N, C-alpha and C. Protein backbone atom coordinates (compact mmCIF):
# COMPACT_ATOMS: atom_id res chain seq x y z
N MET A 1 -14.24 2.39 2.25
CA MET A 1 -13.79 1.25 1.70
C MET A 1 -14.19 0.49 2.47
N ALA A 2 -15.53 -0.06 1.77
CA ALA A 2 -16.75 -0.78 2.56
C ALA A 2 -16.03 -2.25 2.30
N LYS A 3 -15.25 -2.76 1.30
CA LYS A 3 -14.89 -4.09 1.10
C LYS A 3 -13.11 -3.75 0.81
N GLN A 4 -12.57 -4.85 1.03
CA GLN A 4 -10.86 -4.83 1.31
C GLN A 4 -10.70 -4.61 -0.23
N ALA A 5 -9.95 -3.32 -0.37
CA ALA A 5 -9.28 -2.56 -1.68
C ALA A 5 -7.82 -3.30 -1.70
N ASN A 6 -7.70 -3.74 -3.13
CA ASN A 6 -6.54 -4.23 -3.75
C ASN A 6 -5.59 -2.85 -3.31
N PHE A 7 -3.95 -3.25 -3.87
CA PHE A 7 -3.27 -1.96 -3.51
C PHE A 7 -3.37 -0.82 -4.13
N GLU A 8 -3.77 -1.07 -5.35
CA GLU A 8 -3.84 0.18 -6.46
C GLU A 8 -5.06 1.02 -6.02
N THR A 9 -6.40 0.21 -5.61
CA THR A 9 -7.47 0.69 -5.25
C THR A 9 -7.10 1.36 -4.02
N ALA A 10 -6.65 1.25 -3.02
CA ALA A 10 -6.20 1.96 -1.82
C ALA A 10 -5.33 2.92 -1.97
N LEU A 11 -4.11 2.87 -2.77
CA LEU A 11 -3.44 4.09 -3.12
C LEU A 11 -4.02 5.20 -3.96
N HIS A 12 -4.83 4.65 -4.87
CA HIS A 12 -5.56 5.94 -5.47
C HIS A 12 -6.66 6.49 -4.39
N THR A 13 -6.91 5.81 -3.69
CA THR A 13 -7.96 6.34 -2.67
C THR A 13 -7.26 7.69 -1.90
N LEU A 14 -6.26 6.90 -1.29
CA LEU A 14 -5.23 7.61 -0.71
C LEU A 14 -4.81 9.12 -1.37
N GLU A 15 -4.28 8.70 -2.82
CA GLU A 15 -4.04 10.11 -3.30
C GLU A 15 -4.97 11.06 -3.71
N GLU A 16 -6.32 10.66 -3.45
CA GLU A 16 -7.27 11.14 -3.36
C GLU A 16 -7.74 12.22 -2.39
N VAL A 17 -7.55 11.49 -1.50
CA VAL A 17 -7.72 12.01 -0.11
C VAL A 17 -6.58 13.09 0.14
N VAL A 18 -5.44 12.84 -0.04
CA VAL A 18 -4.34 14.04 -0.17
C VAL A 18 -4.72 14.96 -0.71
N ASP A 19 -5.17 14.89 -2.21
CA ASP A 19 -5.56 16.01 -2.71
C ASP A 19 -6.75 16.77 -2.32
N SER A 20 -7.62 16.22 -2.11
CA SER A 20 -8.95 17.07 -1.28
C SER A 20 -8.43 17.84 -0.05
N LEU A 21 -7.61 17.06 0.78
CA LEU A 21 -7.13 17.79 2.04
C LEU A 21 -6.25 19.02 1.80
N GLU A 22 -5.78 18.82 0.72
CA GLU A 22 -4.69 19.88 0.24
C GLU A 22 -5.51 21.12 -0.57
N ASN A 23 -6.14 20.53 -1.46
CA ASN A 23 -6.98 21.56 -2.46
C ASN A 23 -8.23 21.74 -2.19
N ALA A 24 -9.23 21.26 -1.34
CA ALA A 24 -10.60 21.81 -1.02
C ALA A 24 -10.88 22.32 0.09
N ASP A 25 -12.02 23.38 0.07
CA ASP A 25 -12.19 23.84 1.24
C ASP A 25 -13.21 23.14 2.14
N LEU A 26 -12.73 22.30 2.98
CA LEU A 26 -13.45 21.07 3.66
C LEU A 26 -13.58 21.95 4.81
N SER A 27 -15.24 21.58 5.43
CA SER A 27 -15.27 21.94 6.69
C SER A 27 -14.49 21.13 7.80
N LEU A 28 -14.56 21.45 8.92
CA LEU A 28 -13.82 20.61 9.95
C LEU A 28 -14.11 18.94 10.36
N GLU A 29 -15.41 19.31 10.15
CA GLU A 29 -15.96 17.51 10.07
C GLU A 29 -15.87 16.70 8.93
N ASP A 30 -15.81 17.17 7.53
CA ASP A 30 -15.43 16.81 6.41
C ASP A 30 -13.80 16.38 6.30
N ALA A 31 -13.09 17.39 6.59
CA ALA A 31 -11.89 17.03 6.67
C ALA A 31 -11.23 16.11 7.73
N LEU A 32 -12.08 15.93 8.94
CA LEU A 32 -11.35 14.77 9.73
C LEU A 32 -11.97 13.64 9.41
N SER A 33 -13.31 13.46 8.58
CA SER A 33 -13.80 12.22 8.05
C SER A 33 -12.89 11.78 6.73
N THR A 34 -12.50 12.88 5.97
CA THR A 34 -11.47 12.35 4.87
C THR A 34 -10.18 11.99 5.10
N PHE A 35 -9.71 12.59 6.39
CA PHE A 35 -8.60 11.99 7.22
C PHE A 35 -8.41 10.61 7.48
N GLU A 36 -9.70 10.42 8.02
CA GLU A 36 -9.66 9.27 8.43
C GLU A 36 -9.88 7.85 7.40
N GLN A 37 -10.32 8.53 6.22
CA GLN A 37 -10.20 7.74 5.23
C GLN A 37 -8.95 7.34 4.90
N GLY A 38 -8.08 8.55 4.86
CA GLY A 38 -6.78 8.56 4.21
C GLY A 38 -5.93 7.82 4.91
N VAL A 39 -6.33 7.72 6.46
CA VAL A 39 -5.52 6.94 7.17
C VAL A 39 -5.61 5.40 6.98
N ALA A 40 -7.01 4.96 7.00
CA ALA A 40 -7.27 3.57 6.66
C ALA A 40 -7.01 3.25 5.27
N SER A 41 -7.04 4.01 4.38
CA SER A 41 -6.22 3.30 3.18
C SER A 41 -4.65 3.32 3.07
N ALA A 42 -3.92 4.29 3.99
CA ALA A 42 -2.77 4.04 4.15
C ALA A 42 -2.38 2.82 4.91
N VAL A 43 -3.24 2.73 5.70
CA VAL A 43 -2.76 1.18 6.93
C VAL A 43 -3.32 0.03 5.87
N ARG A 44 -4.09 -0.06 4.59
CA ARG A 44 -4.70 -0.90 4.05
C ARG A 44 -3.23 -1.33 3.10
N CYS A 45 -2.58 -0.12 2.45
CA CYS A 45 -1.34 -0.17 1.67
C CYS A 45 -0.51 -0.92 2.47
N GLN A 46 -0.16 -0.49 3.42
CA GLN A 46 1.08 -1.00 4.56
C GLN A 46 0.92 -2.49 4.70
N LYS A 47 -0.42 -2.73 4.84
CA LYS A 47 -0.53 -4.34 5.34
C LYS A 47 -0.16 -4.95 3.93
N LEU A 48 -0.62 -4.36 2.86
CA LEU A 48 -0.51 -5.26 1.68
C LEU A 48 0.88 -5.17 1.20
N LEU A 49 1.52 -4.22 1.53
CA LEU A 49 3.21 -4.18 1.00
C LEU A 49 4.04 -5.48 2.15
N GLN A 50 3.51 -5.29 3.53
CA GLN A 50 4.13 -6.07 4.05
C GLN A 50 3.49 -7.77 3.92
N LYS A 51 2.73 -7.97 2.98
CA LYS A 51 2.31 -9.30 2.76
C LYS A 51 3.04 -9.76 1.69
N VAL A 52 3.04 -8.71 0.84
CA VAL A 52 4.22 -9.03 -0.47
C VAL A 52 5.73 -9.04 -0.04
N GLU A 53 5.90 -8.47 0.70
CA GLU A 53 7.65 -8.54 0.96
C GLU A 53 7.68 -9.95 1.62
N THR A 54 6.90 -10.58 2.36
CA THR A 54 7.11 -11.78 3.13
C THR A 54 7.00 -12.95 1.85
N GLN A 55 6.59 -12.33 0.54
CA GLN A 55 6.47 -13.44 -0.79
C GLN A 55 7.63 -13.37 -1.43
N VAL A 56 8.26 -12.42 -1.62
CA VAL A 56 9.34 -11.75 -2.35
C VAL A 56 10.65 -12.74 -1.91
N GLU A 57 10.90 -13.49 -3.17
CA GLU A 57 11.82 -14.36 -3.19
C GLU A 57 13.13 -13.94 -4.49
N ILE A 58 14.31 -14.16 -4.08
CA ILE A 58 15.20 -13.59 -5.07
C ILE A 58 15.68 -15.01 -5.74
N LEU A 59 15.77 -14.79 -6.70
CA LEU A 59 16.30 -16.05 -7.95
C LEU A 59 17.81 -15.82 -8.20
N LEU A 60 18.27 -16.80 -7.68
CA LEU A 60 19.69 -17.09 -8.09
C LEU A 60 20.25 -18.07 -8.87
N LYS A 61 21.40 -17.72 -9.64
CA LYS A 61 22.00 -18.86 -10.24
C LYS A 61 23.36 -19.07 -9.64
N LYS A 62 23.38 -20.14 -9.34
CA LYS A 62 24.50 -21.33 -9.10
C LYS A 62 25.59 -21.27 -9.77
N GLN A 63 26.79 -21.40 -9.52
CA GLN A 63 27.91 -21.72 -10.41
C GLN A 63 27.65 -22.93 -11.36
N ASP A 64 26.67 -23.69 -11.11
CA ASP A 64 26.73 -25.06 -11.82
C ASP A 64 25.38 -25.01 -12.98
N LYS A 65 25.11 -23.59 -12.79
CA LYS A 65 24.23 -23.22 -13.99
C LYS A 65 22.72 -23.52 -13.56
N THR A 66 22.34 -23.75 -12.51
CA THR A 66 21.39 -24.20 -11.99
C THR A 66 20.66 -23.06 -11.09
N PHE A 67 19.56 -22.88 -10.99
CA PHE A 67 18.76 -21.85 -10.28
C PHE A 67 18.01 -22.44 -8.92
N THR A 68 18.33 -21.44 -7.96
CA THR A 68 17.65 -21.68 -6.71
C THR A 68 16.94 -20.29 -6.02
N THR A 69 16.36 -20.46 -5.22
CA THR A 69 15.60 -19.42 -4.71
C THR A 69 15.82 -19.31 -3.45
N GLU A 70 15.59 -18.04 -3.17
CA GLU A 70 15.64 -17.86 -1.32
C GLU A 70 15.07 -16.34 -0.53
N LYS A 71 14.58 -16.47 0.36
CA LYS A 71 13.71 -15.32 0.94
C LYS A 71 14.44 -14.15 0.61
N PHE A 72 13.77 -13.16 0.33
CA PHE A 72 14.32 -11.71 0.40
C PHE A 72 14.69 -11.25 1.66
N GLN A 73 16.28 -10.76 1.87
CA GLN A 73 16.37 -10.14 3.32
C GLN A 73 16.23 -8.98 3.16
N GLU A 74 15.83 -8.10 4.00
CA GLU A 74 16.49 -6.55 4.00
C GLU A 74 18.00 -6.25 4.11
């Protein structure tokens, strides 16, 4: 992942890594390198999800039929 991947690209890379580790006959060195790539993709996905989580707002309808937003709380 030379450049910063978007979420979909990072997730696709992670899926390919998992598939490769589960199904390919890799040498120890190749398996370690592939695993490291997967960890990097997983970290990227987690960071992007955290960023989105802080941006999510809930749209609420008030009793007077107007709308307001508030930050999403877990």
